[in-house]
PDB file of all heavy atoms in Angstrom:
ATOM      1  N   ASP A   1      -2.855   4.103 -17.207  1.00  0.00           N
ATOM      2  CA  ASP A   1      -1.497   4.122 -16.570  1.00  0.00           C
ATOM      3  C   ASP A   1      -1.686   4.485 -15.066  1.00  0.00           C
ATOM      4  O   ASP A   1      -1.276   3.950 -14.185  1.00  0.00           O
ATOM      5  CB  ASP A   1      -0.520   5.078 -17.222  1.00  0.00           C
ATOM      6  CG  ASP A   1       0.081   4.425 -18.576  1.00  0.00           C
ATOM      7  OD1 ASP A   1      -0.170   3.225 -18.751  1.00  0.00           O
ATOM      8  OD2 ASP A   1       0.600   5.092 -19.266  1.00  0.00           O
ATOM      9  N   GLN A   2      -2.571   5.547 -14.909  1.00  0.00           N
ATOM     10  CA  GLN A   2      -2.817   5.972 -13.521  1.00  0.00           C
ATOM     11  C   GLN A   2      -3.680   4.925 -12.682  1.00  0.00           C
ATOM     12  O   GLN A   2      -3.445   4.709 -11.571  1.00  0.00           O
ATOM     13  CB  GLN A   2      -3.537   7.352 -13.464  1.00  0.00           C
ATOM     14  CG  GLN A   2      -3.714   7.891 -12.105  1.00  0.00           C
ATOM     15  CD  GLN A   2      -2.398   8.121 -11.351  1.00  0.00           C
ATOM     16  OE1 GLN A   2      -1.495   8.684 -11.964  1.00  0.00           O
ATOM     17  NE2 GLN A   2      -2.451   7.563 -10.133  1.00  0.00           N
ATOM     18  N   MET A   3      -4.562   4.240 -13.485  1.00  0.00           N
ATOM     19  CA  MET A   3      -5.304   3.234 -12.751  1.00  0.00           C
ATOM     20  C   MET A   3      -4.426   2.041 -12.326  1.00  0.00           C
ATOM     21  O   MET A   3      -4.442   1.467 -11.249  1.00  0.00           O
ATOM     22  CB  MET A   3      -6.476   2.651 -13.687  1.00  0.00           C
ATOM     23  CG  MET A   3      -7.537   3.612 -13.864  1.00  0.00           C
ATOM     24  SD  MET A   3      -8.736   2.697 -15.122  1.00  0.00           S
ATOM     25  CE  MET A   3      -9.584   4.134 -15.672  1.00  0.00           C
ATOM     26  N   LEU A   4      -3.446   1.836 -13.174  1.00  0.00           N
ATOM     27  CA  LEU A   4      -2.519   0.798 -12.874  1.00  0.00           C
ATOM     28  C   LEU A   4      -1.630   1.098 -11.751  1.00  0.00           C
ATOM     29  O   LEU A   4      -1.312   0.302 -10.845  1.00  0.00           O
ATOM     30  CB  LEU A   4      -1.591   0.324 -14.134  1.00  0.00           C
ATOM     31  CG  LEU A   4      -2.223  -0.417 -15.215  1.00  0.00           C
ATOM     32  CD1 LEU A   4      -1.333  -0.507 -16.359  1.00  0.00           C
ATOM     33  CD2 LEU A   4      -2.574  -1.809 -14.777  1.00  0.00           C
ATOM     34  N   VAL A   5      -1.254   2.460 -11.566  1.00  0.00           N
ATOM     35  CA  VAL A   5      -0.449   2.872 -10.461  1.00  0.00           C
ATOM     36  C   VAL A   5      -1.231   2.681  -9.084  1.00  0.00           C
ATOM     37  O   VAL A   5      -0.790   1.993  -8.108  1.00  0.00           O
ATOM     38  CB  VAL A   5      -0.021   4.389 -10.570  1.00  0.00           C
ATOM     39  CG1 VAL A   5       0.460   4.925  -9.275  1.00  0.00           C
ATOM     40  CG2 VAL A   5       0.939   4.441 -11.565  1.00  0.00           C
ATOM     41  N   THR A   6      -2.521   2.977  -9.169  1.00  0.00           N
ATOM     42  CA  THR A   6      -3.406   2.759  -7.951  1.00  0.00           C
ATOM     43  C   THR A   6      -3.572   1.346  -7.683  1.00  0.00           C
ATOM     44  O   THR A   6      -3.489   0.891  -6.501  1.00  0.00           O
ATOM     45  CB  THR A   6      -4.707   3.448  -8.221  1.00  0.00           C
ATOM     46  OG1 THR A   6      -4.405   4.796  -8.503  1.00  0.00           O
ATOM     47  CG2 THR A   6      -5.731   3.297  -7.059  1.00  0.00           C
ATOM     48  N   LEU A   7      -3.792   0.558  -8.722  1.00  0.00           N
ATOM     49  CA  LEU A   7      -3.991  -0.918  -8.456  1.00  0.00           C
ATOM     50  C   LEU A   7      -2.755  -1.528  -7.901  1.00  0.00           C
ATOM     51  O   LEU A   7      -2.801  -2.346  -7.061  1.00  0.00           O
ATOM     52  CB  LEU A   7      -4.517  -1.504  -9.744  1.00  0.00           C
ATOM     53  CG  LEU A   7      -5.808  -1.316 -10.080  1.00  0.00           C
ATOM     54  CD1 LEU A   7      -6.235  -1.854 -11.502  1.00  0.00           C
ATOM     55  CD2 LEU A   7      -6.896  -2.060  -9.118  1.00  0.00           C
ATOM     56  N   ASN A   8      -1.662  -1.175  -8.389  1.00  0.00           N
ATOM     57  CA  ASN A   8      -0.266  -1.684  -7.876  1.00  0.00           C
ATOM     58  C   ASN A   8      -0.072  -1.370  -6.422  1.00  0.00           C
ATOM     59  O   ASN A   8       0.329  -2.127  -5.643  1.00  0.00           O
ATOM     60  CB  ASN A   8       0.889  -1.167  -8.788  1.00  0.00           C
ATOM     61  CG  ASN A   8       0.890  -1.992 -10.154  1.00  0.00           C
ATOM     62  OD1 ASN A   8       0.460  -3.185 -10.204  1.00  0.00           O
ATOM     63  ND2 ASN A   8       1.374  -1.290 -11.135  1.00  0.00           N
ATOM     64  N   TRP A   9      -0.434  -0.155  -6.212  1.00  0.00           N
ATOM     65  CA  TRP A   9      -0.352   0.439  -4.731  1.00  0.00           C
ATOM     66  C   TRP A   9      -1.264  -0.521  -3.882  1.00  0.00           C
ATOM     67  O   TRP A   9      -0.833  -1.002  -2.729  1.00  0.00           O
ATOM     68  CB  TRP A   9      -0.707   1.799  -4.601  1.00  0.00           C
ATOM     69  CG  TRP A   9      -0.468   2.260  -3.232  1.00  0.00           C
ATOM     70  CD1 TRP A   9       0.743   2.921  -2.762  1.00  0.00           C
ATOM     71  CD2 TRP A   9      -1.307   2.256  -2.113  1.00  0.00           C
ATOM     72  NE1 TRP A   9       0.564   3.261  -1.400  1.00  0.00           N
ATOM     73  CE2 TRP A   9      -0.694   2.835  -1.007  1.00  0.00           C
ATOM     74  CE3 TRP A   9      -2.637   1.762  -1.869  1.00  0.00           C
ATOM     75  CZ2 TRP A   9      -1.136   2.898   0.264  1.00  0.00           C
ATOM     76  CZ3 TRP A   9      -3.158   1.903  -0.685  1.00  0.00           C
ATOM     77  CH2 TRP A   9      -2.519   2.498   0.426  1.00  0.00           C
ATOM     78  N   MET A  10      -2.449  -0.719  -4.218  1.00  0.00           N
ATOM     79  CA  MET A  10      -3.450  -1.347  -3.520  1.00  0.00           C
ATOM     80  C   MET A  10      -3.005  -2.913  -3.286  1.00  0.00           C
ATOM     81  O   MET A  10      -3.151  -3.520  -2.220  1.00  0.00           O
ATOM     82  CB  MET A  10      -4.874  -1.444  -4.223  1.00  0.00           C
ATOM     83  CG  MET A  10      -5.456  -0.083  -4.246  1.00  0.00           C
ATOM     84  SD  MET A  10      -6.915   0.077  -5.221  1.00  0.00           S
ATOM     85  CE  MET A  10      -8.042  -0.941  -4.483  1.00  0.00           C
ATOM     86  N   LEU A  11      -2.524  -3.467  -4.423  1.00  0.00           N
ATOM     87  CA  LEU A  11      -1.992  -4.801  -4.323  1.00  0.00           C
ATOM     88  C   LEU A  11      -0.744  -4.923  -3.319  1.00  0.00           C
ATOM     89  O   LEU A  11      -0.769  -5.861  -2.504  1.00  0.00           O
ATOM     90  CB  LEU A  11      -1.598  -5.405  -5.738  1.00  0.00           C
ATOM     91  CG  LEU A  11      -1.083  -6.714  -5.810  1.00  0.00           C
ATOM     92  CD1 LEU A  11      -2.109  -7.768  -5.354  1.00  0.00           C
ATOM     93  CD2 LEU A  11      -0.713  -7.062  -7.257  1.00  0.00           C
ATOM     94  N   GLU A  12       0.192  -4.026  -3.462  1.00  0.00           N
ATOM     95  CA  GLU A  12       1.236  -4.012  -2.501  1.00  0.00           C
ATOM     96  C   GLU A  12       0.770  -3.836  -1.084  1.00  0.00           C
ATOM     97  O   GLU A  12       1.308  -4.504  -0.175  1.00  0.00           O
ATOM     98  CB  GLU A  12       2.314  -2.969  -2.980  1.00  0.00           C
ATOM     99  CG  GLU A  12       3.473  -2.953  -2.106  1.00  0.00           C
ATOM    100  CD  GLU A  12       4.543  -1.728  -2.460  1.00  0.00           C
ATOM    101  OE1 GLU A  12       4.223  -1.151  -3.361  1.00  0.00           O
ATOM    102  OE2 GLU A  12       5.485  -1.598  -1.702  1.00  0.00           O
ATOM    103  N   TYR A  13      -0.127  -2.976  -0.869  1.00  0.00           N
ATOM    104  CA  TYR A  13      -0.524  -2.725   0.539  1.00  0.00           C
ATOM    105  C   TYR A  13      -1.286  -3.937   0.980  1.00  0.00           C
ATOM    106  O   TYR A  13      -0.995  -4.328   2.174  1.00  0.00           O
ATOM    107  CB  TYR A  13      -1.547  -1.476   0.467  1.00  0.00           C
ATOM    108  CG  TYR A  13      -2.286  -1.348   1.863  1.00  0.00           C
ATOM    109  CD1 TYR A  13      -1.612  -0.876   2.943  1.00  0.00           C
ATOM    110  CD2 TYR A  13      -3.612  -1.735   2.030  1.00  0.00           C
ATOM    111  CE1 TYR A  13      -2.255  -0.630   4.183  1.00  0.00           C
ATOM    112  CE2 TYR A  13      -4.285  -1.623   3.210  1.00  0.00           C
ATOM    113  CZ  TYR A  13      -3.405  -0.927   4.344  1.00  0.00           C
ATOM    114  OH  TYR A  13      -4.139  -0.997   5.486  1.00  0.00           O
ATOM    115  N   ARG A  14      -2.122  -4.476   0.193  1.00  0.00           N
ATOM    116  CA  ARG A  14      -2.990  -5.698   0.720  1.00  0.00           C
ATOM    117  C   ARG A  14      -2.042  -6.888   0.860  1.00  0.00           C
ATOM    118  O   ARG A  14      -2.226  -7.689   1.886  1.00  0.00           O
ATOM    119  CB  ARG A  14      -4.014  -6.019  -0.177  1.00  0.00           C
ATOM    120  CG  ARG A  14      -5.230  -5.136  -0.160  1.00  0.00           C
ATOM    121  CD  ARG A  14      -5.875  -5.211   1.160  1.00  0.00           C
ATOM    122  NE  ARG A  14      -6.739  -4.196   1.485  1.00  0.00           N
ATOM    123  CZ  ARG A  14      -7.633  -4.171   2.398  1.00  0.00           C
ATOM    124  NH1 ARG A  14      -7.617  -5.116   3.289  1.00  0.00           N
ATOM    125  NH2 ARG A  14      -8.487  -3.101   2.693  1.00  0.00           N
ATOM    126  N   THR A  15      -1.036  -7.072   0.048  1.00  0.00           N
ATOM    127  CA  THR A  15       0.010  -8.167   0.265  1.00  0.00           C
ATOM    128  C   THR A  15       0.673  -7.935   1.660  1.00  0.00           C
ATOM    129  O   THR A  15       1.008  -8.959   2.410  1.00  0.00           O
ATOM    130  CB  THR A  15       0.883  -8.184  -0.961  1.00  0.00           C
ATOM    131  OG1 THR A  15       0.066  -8.440  -2.045  1.00  0.00           O
ATOM    132  CG2 THR A  15       1.915  -9.431  -0.795  1.00  0.00           C
ATOM    133  N   LEU A  16       1.230  -6.782   1.808  1.00  0.00           N
ATOM    134  CA  LEU A  16       1.953  -6.350   3.108  1.00  0.00           C
ATOM    135  C   LEU A  16       0.922  -6.542   4.204  1.00  0.00           C
ATOM    136  O   LEU A  16       1.473  -7.086   5.319  1.00  0.00           O
ATOM    137  CB  LEU A  16       2.492  -5.011   2.981  1.00  0.00           C
ATOM    138  CG  LEU A  16       3.767  -4.671   2.247  1.00  0.00           C
ATOM    139  CD1 LEU A  16       4.083  -3.225   2.190  1.00  0.00           C
ATOM    140  CD2 LEU A  16       4.872  -5.595   2.790  1.00  0.00           C
ATOM    141  N   LEU A  17      -0.196  -6.145   4.127  1.00  0.00           N
ATOM    142  CA  LEU A  17      -1.155  -6.355   5.154  1.00  0.00           C
ATOM    143  C   LEU A  17      -1.330  -7.788   5.651  1.00  0.00           C
ATOM    144  O   LEU A  17      -1.393  -8.121   6.796  1.00  0.00           O
ATOM    145  CB  LEU A  17      -2.535  -5.775   4.808  1.00  0.00           C
ATOM    146  CG  LEU A  17      -3.651  -5.491   5.928  1.00  0.00           C
ATOM    147  CD1 LEU A  17      -3.047  -4.714   6.979  1.00  0.00           C
ATOM    148  CD2 LEU A  17      -4.835  -4.935   5.357  1.00  0.00           C
ATOM    149  N   ARG A  18      -1.262  -8.628   4.642  1.00  0.00           N
ATOM    150  CA  ARG A  18      -1.367 -10.032   4.957  1.00  0.00           C
ATOM    151  C   ARG A  18      -0.051 -10.670   5.510  1.00  0.00           C
ATOM    152  O   ARG A  18      -0.067 -11.480   6.513  1.00  0.00           O
ATOM    153  CB  ARG A  18      -1.699 -10.853   3.651  1.00  0.00           C
ATOM    154  CG  ARG A  18      -1.712 -12.314   3.754  1.00  0.00           C
ATOM    155  CD  ARG A  18      -1.929 -13.036   2.414  1.00  0.00           C
ATOM    156  NE  ARG A  18      -0.535 -12.911   1.789  1.00  0.00           N
ATOM    157  CZ  ARG A  18      -0.354 -12.965   0.441  1.00  0.00           C
ATOM    158  NH1 ARG A  18      -1.392 -13.203  -0.367  1.00  0.00           N
ATOM    159  NH2 ARG A  18       0.819 -12.744  -0.073  1.00  0.00           N
ATOM    160  N   ASP A  19       1.187 -10.213   5.000  1.00  0.00           N
ATOM    161  CA  ASP A  19       2.387 -10.804   5.259  1.00  0.00           C
ATOM    162  C   ASP A  19       3.163 -10.170   6.391  1.00  0.00           C
ATOM    163  O   ASP A  19       3.891 -10.695   7.079  1.00  0.00           O
ATOM    164  CB  ASP A  19       3.220 -10.999   4.034  1.00  0.00           C
ATOM    165  CG  ASP A  19       2.630 -11.919   2.926  1.00  0.00           C
ATOM    166  OD1 ASP A  19       1.759 -12.657   3.266  1.00  0.00           O
ATOM    167  OD2 ASP A  19       2.950 -11.718   1.716  1.00  0.00           O
ATOM    168  N   GLU A  20       3.106  -8.692   6.289  1.00  0.00           N
ATOM    169  CA  GLU A  20       3.878  -7.756   7.110  1.00  0.00           C
ATOM    170  C   GLU A  20       3.004  -6.749   7.527  1.00  0.00           C
ATOM    171  O   GLU A  20       3.274  -5.548   6.994  1.00  0.00           O
ATOM    172  CB  GLU A  20       5.208  -7.317   6.542  1.00  0.00           C
ATOM    173  CG  GLU A  20       6.020  -8.613   6.050  1.00  0.00           C
ATOM    174  CD  GLU A  20       7.297  -7.917   5.325  1.00  0.00           C
ATOM    175  OE1 GLU A  20       8.094  -7.284   5.994  1.00  0.00           O
ATOM    176  OE2 GLU A  20       7.554  -8.379   4.103  1.00  0.00           O
ATOM    177  N   PRO A  21       2.194  -6.839   8.497  1.00  0.00           N
ATOM    178  CA  PRO A  21       1.102  -5.892   8.749  1.00  0.00           C
ATOM    179  C   PRO A  21       1.821  -4.473   9.191  1.00  0.00           C
ATOM    180  O   PRO A  21       1.329  -3.449   9.023  1.00  0.00           O
ATOM    181  CB  PRO A  21       0.372  -6.316   9.935  1.00  0.00           C
ATOM    182  CG  PRO A  21       0.498  -7.875   9.907  1.00  0.00           C
ATOM    183  CD  PRO A  21       1.927  -8.085   9.223  1.00  0.00           C
ATOM    184  N   GLN A  22       2.918  -4.516   9.990  1.00  0.00           N
ATOM    185  CA  GLN A  22       3.501  -3.330  10.363  1.00  0.00           C
ATOM    186  C   GLN A  22       4.054  -2.452   9.163  1.00  0.00           C
ATOM    187  O   GLN A  22       3.890  -1.236   9.247  1.00  0.00           O
ATOM    188  CB  GLN A  22       4.740  -3.590  11.365  1.00  0.00           C
ATOM    189  CG  GLN A  22       5.459  -2.426  11.865  1.00  0.00           C
ATOM    190  CD  GLN A  22       4.608  -1.504  12.696  1.00  0.00           C
ATOM    191  OE1 GLN A  22       3.742  -1.973  13.483  1.00  0.00           O
ATOM    192  NE2 GLN A  22       4.726  -0.204  12.459  1.00  0.00           N
ATOM    193  N   LYS A  23       4.613  -3.208   8.224  1.00  0.00           N
ATOM    194  CA  LYS A  23       4.983  -2.465   7.023  1.00  0.00           C
ATOM    195  C   LYS A  23       3.761  -1.873   6.180  1.00  0.00           C
ATOM    196  O   LYS A  23       3.881  -0.775   5.628  1.00  0.00           O
ATOM    197  CB  LYS A  23       5.859  -3.390   6.011  1.00  0.00           C
ATOM    198  CG  LYS A  23       7.249  -3.471   6.533  1.00  0.00           C
ATOM    199  CD  LYS A  23       8.072  -4.236   5.464  1.00  0.00           C
ATOM    200  CE  LYS A  23       9.496  -4.482   5.825  1.00  0.00           C
ATOM    201  NZ  LYS A  23      10.259  -5.264   4.904  1.00  0.00           N
ATOM    202  N   ALA A  24       2.770  -2.629   6.220  1.00  0.00           N
ATOM    203  CA  ALA A  24       1.548  -2.093   5.710  1.00  0.00           C
ATOM    204  C   ALA A  24       0.946  -0.701   6.288  1.00  0.00           C
ATOM    205  O   ALA A  24       0.709   0.190   5.624  1.00  0.00           O
ATOM    206  CB  ALA A  24       0.525  -3.033   5.676  1.00  0.00           C
ATOM    207  N   GLN A  25       1.056  -0.751   7.688  1.00  0.00           N
ATOM    208  CA  GLN A  25       0.766   0.490   8.338  1.00  0.00           C
ATOM    209  C   GLN A  25       1.675   1.576   8.005  1.00  0.00           C
ATOM    210  O   GLN A  25       1.188   2.657   7.874  1.00  0.00           O
ATOM    211  CB  GLN A  25       0.756   0.237   9.851  1.00  0.00           C
ATOM    212  CG  GLN A  25      -0.435  -0.733  10.345  1.00  0.00           C
ATOM    213  CD  GLN A  25      -1.815  -0.297   9.870  1.00  0.00           C
ATOM    214  OE1 GLN A  25      -2.159   0.895  10.037  1.00  0.00           O
ATOM    215  NE2 GLN A  25      -2.618  -1.165   9.309  1.00  0.00           N
ATOM    216  N   GLU A  26       2.864   1.338   7.837  1.00  0.00           N
ATOM    217  CA  GLU A  26       3.815   2.299   7.530  1.00  0.00           C
ATOM    218  C   GLU A  26       3.484   2.922   6.078  1.00  0.00           C
ATOM    219  O   GLU A  26       3.585   4.159   5.891  1.00  0.00           O
ATOM    220  CB  GLU A  26       5.313   1.931   7.642  1.00  0.00           C
ATOM    221  CG  GLU A  26       5.787   1.535   9.039  1.00  0.00           C
ATOM    222  CD  GLU A  26       7.037   0.826   9.068  1.00  0.00           C
ATOM    223  OE1 GLU A  26       7.774   0.771   7.995  1.00  0.00           O
ATOM    224  OE2 GLU A  26       7.357   0.389  10.102  1.00  0.00           O
ATOM    225  N   MET A  27       3.250   1.905   5.187  1.00  0.00           N
ATOM    226  CA  MET A  27       2.852   2.475   3.895  1.00  0.00           C
ATOM    227  C   MET A  27       1.719   3.300   3.880  1.00  0.00           C
ATOM    228  O   MET A  27       1.617   4.259   3.120  1.00  0.00           O
ATOM    229  CB  MET A  27       2.628   1.038   2.997  1.00  0.00           C
ATOM    230  CG  MET A  27       2.395   1.360   1.680  1.00  0.00           C
ATOM    231  SD  MET A  27       2.172  -0.233   0.700  1.00  0.00           S
ATOM    232  CE  MET A  27       1.745   0.295  -0.875  1.00  0.00           C
ATOM    233  N   LEU A  28       0.717   2.850   4.569  1.00  0.00           N
ATOM    234  CA  LEU A  28      -0.603   3.579   4.704  1.00  0.00           C
ATOM    235  C   LEU A  28      -0.372   5.047   5.278  1.00  0.00           C
ATOM    236  O   LEU A  28      -0.929   5.986   4.784  1.00  0.00           O
ATOM    237  CB  LEU A  28      -1.622   2.848   5.437  1.00  0.00           C
ATOM    238  CG  LEU A  28      -3.111   3.454   5.477  1.00  0.00           C
ATOM    239  CD1 LEU A  28      -3.609   3.436   4.024  1.00  0.00           C
ATOM    240  CD2 LEU A  28      -3.873   2.453   6.293  1.00  0.00           C
ATOM    241  N   LYS A  29       0.457   5.055   6.337  1.00  0.00           N
ATOM    242  CA  LYS A  29       0.795   6.376   6.896  1.00  0.00           C
ATOM    243  C   LYS A  29       1.451   7.369   5.837  1.00  0.00           C
ATOM    244  O   LYS A  29       1.058   8.408   5.712  1.00  0.00           O
ATOM    245  CB  LYS A  29       1.647   6.287   8.146  1.00  0.00           C
ATOM    246  CG  LYS A  29       0.942   5.690   9.408  1.00  0.00           C
ATOM    247  CD  LYS A  29       1.847   5.584  10.476  1.00  0.00           C
ATOM    248  CE  LYS A  29       1.155   4.869  11.627  1.00  0.00           C
ATOM    249  NZ  LYS A  29       2.137   4.707  12.881  1.00  0.00           N
ATOM    250  N   ALA A  30       2.375   6.773   5.169  1.00  0.00           N
ATOM    251  CA  ALA A  30       3.077   7.454   4.030  1.00  0.00           C
ATOM    252  C   ALA A  30       2.182   7.976   2.976  1.00  0.00           C
ATOM    253  O   ALA A  30       2.281   9.097   2.510  1.00  0.00           O
ATOM    254  CB  ALA A  30       4.232   6.595   3.508  1.00  0.00           C
ATOM    255  N   TRP A  31       1.232   7.203   2.666  1.00  0.00           N
ATOM    256  CA  TRP A  31       0.195   7.523   1.672  1.00  0.00           C
ATOM    257  C   TRP A  31      -0.634   8.623   2.122  1.00  0.00           C
ATOM    258  O   TRP A  31      -0.917   9.724   1.449  1.00  0.00           O
ATOM    259  CB  TRP A  31      -0.618   6.313   1.224  1.00  0.00           C
ATOM    260  CG  TRP A  31      -1.803   6.698   0.256  1.00  0.00           C
ATOM    261  CD1 TRP A  31      -1.579   6.915  -1.066  1.00  0.00           C
ATOM    262  CD2 TRP A  31      -3.066   6.916   0.539  1.00  0.00           C
ATOM    263  NE1 TRP A  31      -2.743   7.274  -1.685  1.00  0.00           N
ATOM    264  CE2 TRP A  31      -3.698   7.222  -0.752  1.00  0.00           C
ATOM    265  CE3 TRP A  31      -3.840   6.787   1.592  1.00  0.00           C
ATOM    266  CZ2 TRP A  31      -5.046   7.554  -0.842  1.00  0.00           C
ATOM    267  CZ3 TRP A  31      -5.280   7.074   1.494  1.00  0.00           C
ATOM    268  CH2 TRP A  31      -5.745   7.518   0.221  1.00  0.00           C
ATOM    269  N   HIS A  32      -1.194   8.558   3.400  1.00  0.00           N
ATOM    270  CA  HIS A  32      -1.961   9.648   4.047  1.00  0.00           C
ATOM    271  C   HIS A  32      -1.152  10.920   4.081  1.00  0.00           C
ATOM    272  O   HIS A  32      -1.797  12.031   3.857  1.00  0.00           O
ATOM    273  CB  HIS A  32      -2.446   9.375   5.374  1.00  0.00           C
ATOM    274  CG  HIS A  32      -3.713   8.265   5.275  1.00  0.00           C
ATOM    275  ND1 HIS A  32      -4.804   8.625   4.725  1.00  0.00           N
ATOM    276  CD2 HIS A  32      -3.818   6.934   5.773  1.00  0.00           C
ATOM    277  CE1 HIS A  32      -5.707   7.732   4.848  1.00  0.00           C
ATOM    278  NE2 HIS A  32      -5.006   6.641   5.477  1.00  0.00           N
ATOM    279  N   ALA A  33       0.084  10.872   4.481  1.00  0.00           N
ATOM    280  CA  ALA A  33       1.039  12.054   4.602  1.00  0.00           C
ATOM    281  C   ALA A  33       1.179  12.679   3.277  1.00  0.00           C
ATOM    282  O   ALA A  33       1.149  13.896   3.114  1.00  0.00           O
ATOM    283  CB  ALA A  33       2.360  11.728   5.209  1.00  0.00           C
ATOM    284  N   GLY A  34       1.345  11.832   2.169  1.00  0.00           N
ATOM    285  CA  GLY A  34       1.506  12.333   0.865  1.00  0.00           C
ATOM    286  C   GLY A  34       0.224  12.938   0.213  1.00  0.00           C
ATOM    287  O   GLY A  34       0.238  13.862  -0.526  1.00  0.00           O
TER     288      GLY A  34
END
């Protein structure tokens, strides 16, 4: 289940990076802050 959480996060990030790079950067910043 934890692996799936991580994979889902990675997938969401990479999809955003492709489609909406600004949102991807915000997501990455939020992850680093957390």
